[in-house]
PDB file of all heavy atoms in Angstrom:
ATOM      1  N   TRP A   1      -2.510  11.912   0.248  1.00  0.00           N
ATOM      2  CA  TRP A   1      -1.056  11.811   0.397  1.00  0.00           C
ATOM      3  C   TRP A   1      -0.431  11.205  -0.855  1.00  0.00           C
ATOM      4  O   TRP A   1       0.603  11.675  -1.338  1.00  0.00           O
ATOM      5  CB  TRP A   1      -0.720  10.964   1.624  1.00  0.00           C
ATOM      6  CG  TRP A   1       0.755  10.863   1.888  1.00  0.00           C
ATOM      7  CD1 TRP A   1       1.521  11.699   2.641  1.00  0.00           C
ATOM      8  CD2 TRP A   1       1.643   9.862   1.362  1.00  0.00           C
ATOM      9  NE1 TRP A   1       2.835  11.291   2.633  1.00  0.00           N
ATOM     10  CE2 TRP A   1       2.943  10.162   1.850  1.00  0.00           C
ATOM     11  CE3 TRP A   1       1.489   8.751   0.538  1.00  0.00           C
ATOM     12  CZ2 TRP A   1       4.059   9.393   1.546  1.00  0.00           C
ATOM     13  CZ3 TRP A   1       2.590   7.979   0.222  1.00  0.00           C
ATOM     14  CH2 TRP A   1       3.864   8.298   0.717  1.00  0.00           C
ATOM     15  N   PHE A   2      -1.068  10.159  -1.388  1.00  0.00           N
ATOM     16  CA  PHE A   2      -0.532   9.506  -2.582  1.00  0.00           C
ATOM     17  C   PHE A   2      -0.605  10.440  -3.786  1.00  0.00           C
ATOM     18  O   PHE A   2       0.329  10.499  -4.595  1.00  0.00           O
ATOM     19  CB  PHE A   2      -1.292   8.200  -2.849  1.00  0.00           C
ATOM     20  CG  PHE A   2      -1.052   7.143  -1.815  1.00  0.00           C
ATOM     21  CD1 PHE A   2      -1.854   7.055  -0.683  1.00  0.00           C
ATOM     22  CD2 PHE A   2      -0.015   6.234  -1.950  1.00  0.00           C
ATOM     23  CE1 PHE A   2      -1.621   6.097   0.279  1.00  0.00           C
ATOM     24  CE2 PHE A   2       0.221   5.268  -0.997  1.00  0.00           C
ATOM     25  CZ  PHE A   2      -0.581   5.204   0.130  1.00  0.00           C
ATOM     26  N   VAL A   3      -1.706  11.160  -3.915  1.00  0.00           N
ATOM     27  CA  VAL A   3      -1.855  12.101  -5.030  1.00  0.00           C
ATOM     28  C   VAL A   3      -0.812  13.211  -4.924  1.00  0.00           C
ATOM     29  O   VAL A   3      -0.140  13.554  -5.914  1.00  0.00           O
ATOM     30  CB  VAL A   3      -3.278  12.697  -5.049  1.00  0.00           C
ATOM     31  CG1 VAL A   3      -3.380  13.797  -6.109  1.00  0.00           C
ATOM     32  CG2 VAL A   3      -4.304  11.596  -5.321  1.00  0.00           C
ATOM     33  N   GLU A   4      -0.654  13.763  -3.728  1.00  0.00           N
ATOM     34  CA  GLU A   4       0.318  14.854  -3.530  1.00  0.00           C
ATOM     35  C   GLU A   4       1.747  14.405  -3.812  1.00  0.00           C
ATOM     36  O   GLU A   4       2.581  15.196  -4.272  1.00  0.00           O
ATOM     37  CB  GLU A   4       0.206  15.382  -2.103  1.00  0.00           C
ATOM     38  CG  GLU A   4      -1.062  16.178  -1.837  1.00  0.00           C
ATOM     39  CD  GLU A   4      -1.259  16.478  -0.361  1.00  0.00           C
ATOM     40  OE1 GLU A   4      -0.350  16.140   0.446  1.00  0.00           O
ATOM     41  OE2 GLU A   4      -2.317  17.036  -0.013  1.00  0.00           O
ATOM     42  N   ASN A   5       2.037  13.139  -3.531  1.00  0.00           N
ATOM     43  CA  ASN A   5       3.378  12.614  -3.755  1.00  0.00           C
ATOM     44  C   ASN A   5       3.535  11.976  -5.138  1.00  0.00           C
ATOM     45  O   ASN A   5       4.523  11.284  -5.392  1.00  0.00           O
ATOM     46  CB  ASN A   5       3.742  11.625  -2.656  1.00  0.00           C
ATOM     47  CG  ASN A   5       4.067  12.303  -1.342  1.00  0.00           C
ATOM     48  OD1 ASN A   5       5.194  12.732  -1.119  1.00  0.00           O
ATOM     49  ND2 ASN A   5       3.062  12.449  -0.479  1.00  0.00           N
ATOM     50  N   ARG A   6       2.541  12.195  -5.983  1.00  0.00           N
ATOM     51  CA  ARG A   6       2.577  11.752  -7.382  1.00  0.00           C
ATOM     52  C   ARG A   6       2.803  10.245  -7.512  1.00  0.00           C
ATOM     53  O   ARG A   6       3.507   9.775  -8.402  1.00  0.00           O
ATOM     54  CB  ARG A   6       3.642  12.536  -8.152  1.00  0.00           C
ATOM     55  CG  ARG A   6       3.364  14.031  -8.181  1.00  0.00           C
ATOM     56  CD  ARG A   6       4.399  14.782  -8.986  1.00  0.00           C
ATOM     57  NE  ARG A   6       4.094  16.224  -9.003  1.00  0.00           N
ATOM     58  CZ  ARG A   6       4.829  17.133  -9.647  1.00  0.00           C
ATOM     59  NH1 ARG A   6       5.901  16.747 -10.330  1.00  0.00           N
ATOM     60  NH2 ARG A   6       4.491  18.414  -9.611  1.00  0.00           N
ATOM     61  N   ILE A   7       2.181   9.526  -6.617  1.00  0.00           N
ATOM     62  CA  ILE A   7       2.184   8.057  -6.701  1.00  0.00           C
ATOM     63  C   ILE A   7       0.900   7.653  -7.406  1.00  0.00           C
ATOM     64  O   ILE A   7      -0.197   7.890  -6.902  1.00  0.00           O
ATOM     65  CB  ILE A   7       2.262   7.429  -5.291  1.00  0.00           C
ATOM     66  CG1 ILE A   7       3.565   7.837  -4.603  1.00  0.00           C
ATOM     67  CG2 ILE A   7       2.137   5.907  -5.366  1.00  0.00           C
ATOM     68  CD1 ILE A   7       3.641   7.430  -3.139  1.00  0.00           C
ATOM     69  N   ASP A   8       1.008   7.072  -8.604  1.00  0.00           N
ATOM     70  CA  ASP A   8      -0.196   6.764  -9.374  1.00  0.00           C
ATOM     71  C   ASP A   8      -0.631   5.311  -9.260  1.00  0.00           C
ATOM     72  O   ASP A   8      -1.706   4.936  -9.747  1.00  0.00           O
ATOM     73  CB  ASP A   8      -0.026   7.153 -10.845  1.00  0.00           C
ATOM     74  CG  ASP A   8       1.181   6.494 -11.496  1.00  0.00           C
ATOM     75  OD1 ASP A   8       1.774   5.581 -10.885  1.00  0.00           O
ATOM     76  OD2 ASP A   8       1.528   6.895 -12.620  1.00  0.00           O
ATOM     77  N   SER A   9       0.185   4.476  -8.640  1.00  0.00           N
ATOM     78  CA  SER A   9      -0.201   3.090  -8.384  1.00  0.00           C
ATOM     79  C   SER A   9       0.661   2.567  -7.246  1.00  0.00           C
ATOM     80  O   SER A   9       1.733   3.127  -6.955  1.00  0.00           O
ATOM     81  CB  SER A   9      -0.029   2.213  -9.630  1.00  0.00           C
ATOM     82  OG  SER A   9       1.335   2.142 -10.002  1.00  0.00           O
ATOM     83  N   ILE A  10       0.207   1.503  -6.596  1.00  0.00           N
ATOM     84  CA  ILE A  10       0.941   0.936  -5.467  1.00  0.00           C
ATOM     85  C   ILE A  10       1.633  -0.327  -5.947  1.00  0.00           C
ATOM     86  O   ILE A  10       0.994  -1.328  -6.281  1.00  0.00           O
ATOM     87  CB  ILE A  10      -0.002   0.638  -4.288  1.00  0.00           C
ATOM     88  CG1 ILE A  10      -0.668   1.939  -3.828  1.00  0.00           C
ATOM     89  CG2 ILE A  10       0.777   0.007  -3.132  1.00  0.00           C
ATOM     90  CD1 ILE A  10      -1.705   1.750  -2.746  1.00  0.00           C
ATOM     91  N   ASP A  11       2.951  -0.278  -5.989  1.00  0.00           N
ATOM     92  CA  ASP A  11       3.743  -1.405  -6.476  1.00  0.00           C
ATOM     93  C   ASP A  11       3.623  -2.592  -5.532  1.00  0.00           C
ATOM     94  O   ASP A  11       3.411  -2.428  -4.322  1.00  0.00           O
ATOM     95  CB  ASP A  11       5.206  -0.978  -6.599  1.00  0.00           C
ATOM     96  CG  ASP A  11       6.066  -2.039  -7.261  1.00  0.00           C
ATOM     97  OD1 ASP A  11       6.011  -2.158  -8.489  1.00  0.00           O
ATOM     98  OD2 ASP A  11       6.774  -2.766  -6.531  1.00  0.00           O
ATOM     99  N   ILE A  12       3.804  -3.791  -6.075  1.00  0.00           N
ATOM    100  CA  ILE A  12       3.638  -4.999  -5.264  1.00  0.00           C
ATOM    101  C   ILE A  12       4.709  -5.156  -4.189  1.00  0.00           C
ATOM    102  O   ILE A  12       4.536  -5.930  -3.245  1.00  0.00           O
ATOM    103  CB  ILE A  12       3.604  -6.271  -6.139  1.00  0.00           C
ATOM    104  CG1 ILE A  12       4.922  -6.460  -6.899  1.00  0.00           C
ATOM    105  CG2 ILE A  12       2.413  -6.254  -7.076  1.00  0.00           C
ATOM    106  CD1 ILE A  12       5.026  -7.812  -7.583  1.00  0.00           C
ATOM    107  N   THR A  13       5.808  -4.421  -4.288  1.00  0.00           N
ATOM    108  CA  THR A  13       6.848  -4.493  -3.273  1.00  0.00           C
ATOM    109  C   THR A  13       6.874  -3.258  -2.367  1.00  0.00           C
ATOM    110  O   THR A  13       7.750  -3.130  -1.520  1.00  0.00           O
ATOM    111  CB  THR A  13       8.240  -4.672  -3.920  1.00  0.00           C
ATOM    112  OG1 THR A  13       8.496  -3.562  -4.789  1.00  0.00           O
ATOM    113  CG2 THR A  13       8.322  -5.968  -4.701  1.00  0.00           C
ATOM    114  N   SER A  14       5.913  -2.384  -2.535  1.00  0.00           N
ATOM    115  CA  SER A  14       5.883  -1.153  -1.758  1.00  0.00           C
ATOM    116  C   SER A  14       5.433  -1.413  -0.320  1.00  0.00           C
ATOM    117  O   SER A  14       4.541  -2.240  -0.082  1.00  0.00           O
ATOM    118  CB  SER A  14       4.916  -0.160  -2.407  1.00  0.00           C
ATOM    119  OG  SER A  14       4.630   0.922  -1.539  1.00  0.00           O
ATOM    120  N   PRO A  15       5.990  -0.686   0.653  1.00  0.00           N
ATOM    121  CA  PRO A  15       5.469  -0.813   2.022  1.00  0.00           C
ATOM    122  C   PRO A  15       4.015  -0.362   2.130  1.00  0.00           C
ATOM    123  O   PRO A  15       3.303  -0.762   3.052  1.00  0.00           O
ATOM    124  CB  PRO A  15       6.400   0.096   2.835  1.00  0.00           C
ATOM    125  CG  PRO A  15       6.977   1.055   1.846  1.00  0.00           C
ATOM    126  CD  PRO A  15       7.110   0.280   0.570  1.00  0.00           C
ATOM    127  N   HIS A  16       3.563   0.448   1.168  1.00  0.00           N
ATOM    128  CA  HIS A  16       2.160   0.876   1.156  1.00  0.00           C
ATOM    129  C   HIS A  16       1.226  -0.241   0.688  1.00  0.00           C
ATOM    130  O   HIS A  16       0.005  -0.112   0.802  1.00  0.00           O
ATOM    131  CB  HIS A  16       2.005   2.112   0.268  1.00  0.00           C
ATOM    132  CG  HIS A  16       2.827   3.278   0.723  1.00  0.00           C
ATOM    133  ND1 HIS A  16       2.671   3.852   1.959  1.00  0.00           N
ATOM    134  CD2 HIS A  16       3.856   3.940   0.120  1.00  0.00           C
ATOM    135  CE1 HIS A  16       3.542   4.836   2.101  1.00  0.00           C
ATOM    136  NE2 HIS A  16       4.276   4.904   0.999  1.00  0.00           N
ATOM    137  N   ALA A  17       1.796  -1.308   0.166  1.00  0.00           N
ATOM    138  CA  ALA A  17       0.983  -2.470  -0.224  1.00  0.00           C
ATOM    139  C   ALA A  17       0.664  -3.371   0.961  1.00  0.00           C
ATOM    140  O   ALA A  17      -0.162  -4.275   0.844  1.00  0.00           O
ATOM    141  CB  ALA A  17       1.699  -3.273  -1.306  1.00  0.00           C
ATOM    142  N   VAL A  18       1.319  -3.136   2.093  1.00  0.00           N
ATOM    143  CA  VAL A  18       1.084  -3.976   3.272  1.00  0.00           C
ATOM    144  C   VAL A  18      -0.213  -3.550   3.952  1.00  0.00           C
ATOM    145  O   VAL A  18      -0.305  -2.457   4.509  1.00  0.00           O
ATOM    146  CB  VAL A  18       2.248  -3.889   4.274  1.00  0.00           C
ATOM    147  CG1 VAL A  18       1.972  -4.801   5.471  1.00  0.00           C
ATOM    148  CG2 VAL A  18       3.567  -4.276   3.614  1.00  0.00           C
ATOM    149  N   THR A  19      -1.220  -4.386   3.880  1.00  0.00           N
ATOM    150  CA  THR A  19      -2.448  -4.180   4.634  1.00  0.00           C
ATOM    151  C   THR A  19      -2.406  -5.071   5.879  1.00  0.00           C
ATOM    152  O   THR A  19      -1.584  -5.976   5.987  1.00  0.00           O
ATOM    153  CB  THR A  19      -3.682  -4.530   3.782  1.00  0.00           C
ATOM    154  OG1 THR A  19      -3.449  -5.790   3.119  1.00  0.00           O
ATOM    155  CG2 THR A  19      -3.948  -3.466   2.733  1.00  0.00           C
ATOM    156  N   THR A  20      -3.286  -4.804   6.815  1.00  0.00           N
ATOM    157  CA  THR A  20      -3.316  -5.584   8.042  1.00  0.00           C
ATOM    158  C   THR A  20      -3.570  -7.055   7.716  1.00  0.00           C
ATOM    159  O   THR A  20      -4.512  -7.371   6.995  1.00  0.00           O
ATOM    160  CB  THR A  20      -4.432  -5.076   8.966  1.00  0.00           C
ATOM    161  OG1 THR A  20      -4.305  -3.671   9.121  1.00  0.00           O
ATOM    162  CG2 THR A  20      -4.353  -5.744  10.325  1.00  0.00           C
ATOM    163  N   PRO A  21      -2.760  -7.968   8.217  1.00  0.00           N
ATOM    164  CA  PRO A  21      -3.002  -9.396   7.943  1.00  0.00           C
ATOM    165  C   PRO A  21      -4.257  -9.886   8.675  1.00  0.00           C
ATOM    166  O   PRO A  21      -4.325  -9.840   9.907  1.00  0.00           O
ATOM    167  CB  PRO A  21      -1.749 -10.079   8.512  1.00  0.00           C
ATOM    168  CG  PRO A  21      -0.746  -8.988   8.744  1.00  0.00           C
ATOM    169  CD  PRO A  21      -1.541  -7.748   9.008  1.00  0.00           C
ATOM    170  N   GLY A  22      -5.235 -10.348   7.922  1.00  0.00           N
ATOM    171  CA  GLY A  22      -6.506 -10.739   8.538  1.00  0.00           C
ATOM    172  C   GLY A  22      -6.700 -12.222   8.768  1.00  0.00           C
ATOM    173  O   GLY A  22      -7.677 -12.635   9.402  1.00  0.00           O
ATOM    174  N   ALA A  23      -5.767 -13.056   8.270  1.00  0.00           N
ATOM    175  CA  ALA A  23      -5.987 -14.505   8.279  1.00  0.00           C
ATOM    176  C   ALA A  23      -6.241 -15.056   9.675  1.00  0.00           C
ATOM    177  O   ALA A  23      -7.210 -15.796   9.903  1.00  0.00           O
ATOM    178  CB  ALA A  23      -4.797 -15.216   7.635  1.00  0.00           C
ATOM    179  N   LEU A  24      -5.391 -14.721  10.618  1.00  0.00           N
ATOM    180  CA  LEU A  24      -5.514 -15.318  11.951  1.00  0.00           C
ATOM    181  C   LEU A  24      -6.809 -14.923  12.646  1.00  0.00           C
ATOM    182  O   LEU A  24      -7.372 -15.714  13.418  1.00  0.00           O
ATOM    183  CB  LEU A  24      -4.314 -14.941  12.812  1.00  0.00           C
ATOM    184  CG  LEU A  24      -3.021 -15.711  12.513  1.00  0.00           C
ATOM    185  CD1 LEU A  24      -1.861 -15.112  13.296  1.00  0.00           C
ATOM    186  CD2 LEU A  24      -3.164 -17.197  12.839  1.00  0.00           C
ATOM    187  N   ARG A  25      -7.297 -13.715  12.396  1.00  0.00           N
ATOM    188  CA  ARG A  25      -8.593 -13.331  12.967  1.00  0.00           C
ATOM    189  C   ARG A  25      -9.715 -14.204  12.408  1.00  0.00           C
ATOM    190  O   ARG A  25     -10.652 -14.577  13.128  1.00  0.00           O
ATOM    191  CB  ARG A  25      -8.872 -11.856  12.696  1.00  0.00           C
ATOM    192  CG  ARG A  25      -8.097 -10.888  13.573  1.00  0.00           C
ATOM    193  CD  ARG A  25      -8.417 -11.063  15.045  1.00  0.00           C
ATOM    194  NE  ARG A  25      -7.773 -10.033  15.868  1.00  0.00           N
ATOM    195  CZ  ARG A  25      -7.585 -10.130  17.171  1.00  0.00           C
ATOM    196  NH1 ARG A  25      -7.964 -11.226  17.812  1.00  0.00           N
ATOM    197  NH2 ARG A  25      -7.012  -9.155  17.846  1.00  0.00           N
TER     198      ARG A  25
END
């Protein structure tokens, strides 16, 4: 999906930079 949409890096403010928060687990 990222390649097709010509996204070559994930910016630090991108919603795609949000990974599942693991701290509480």
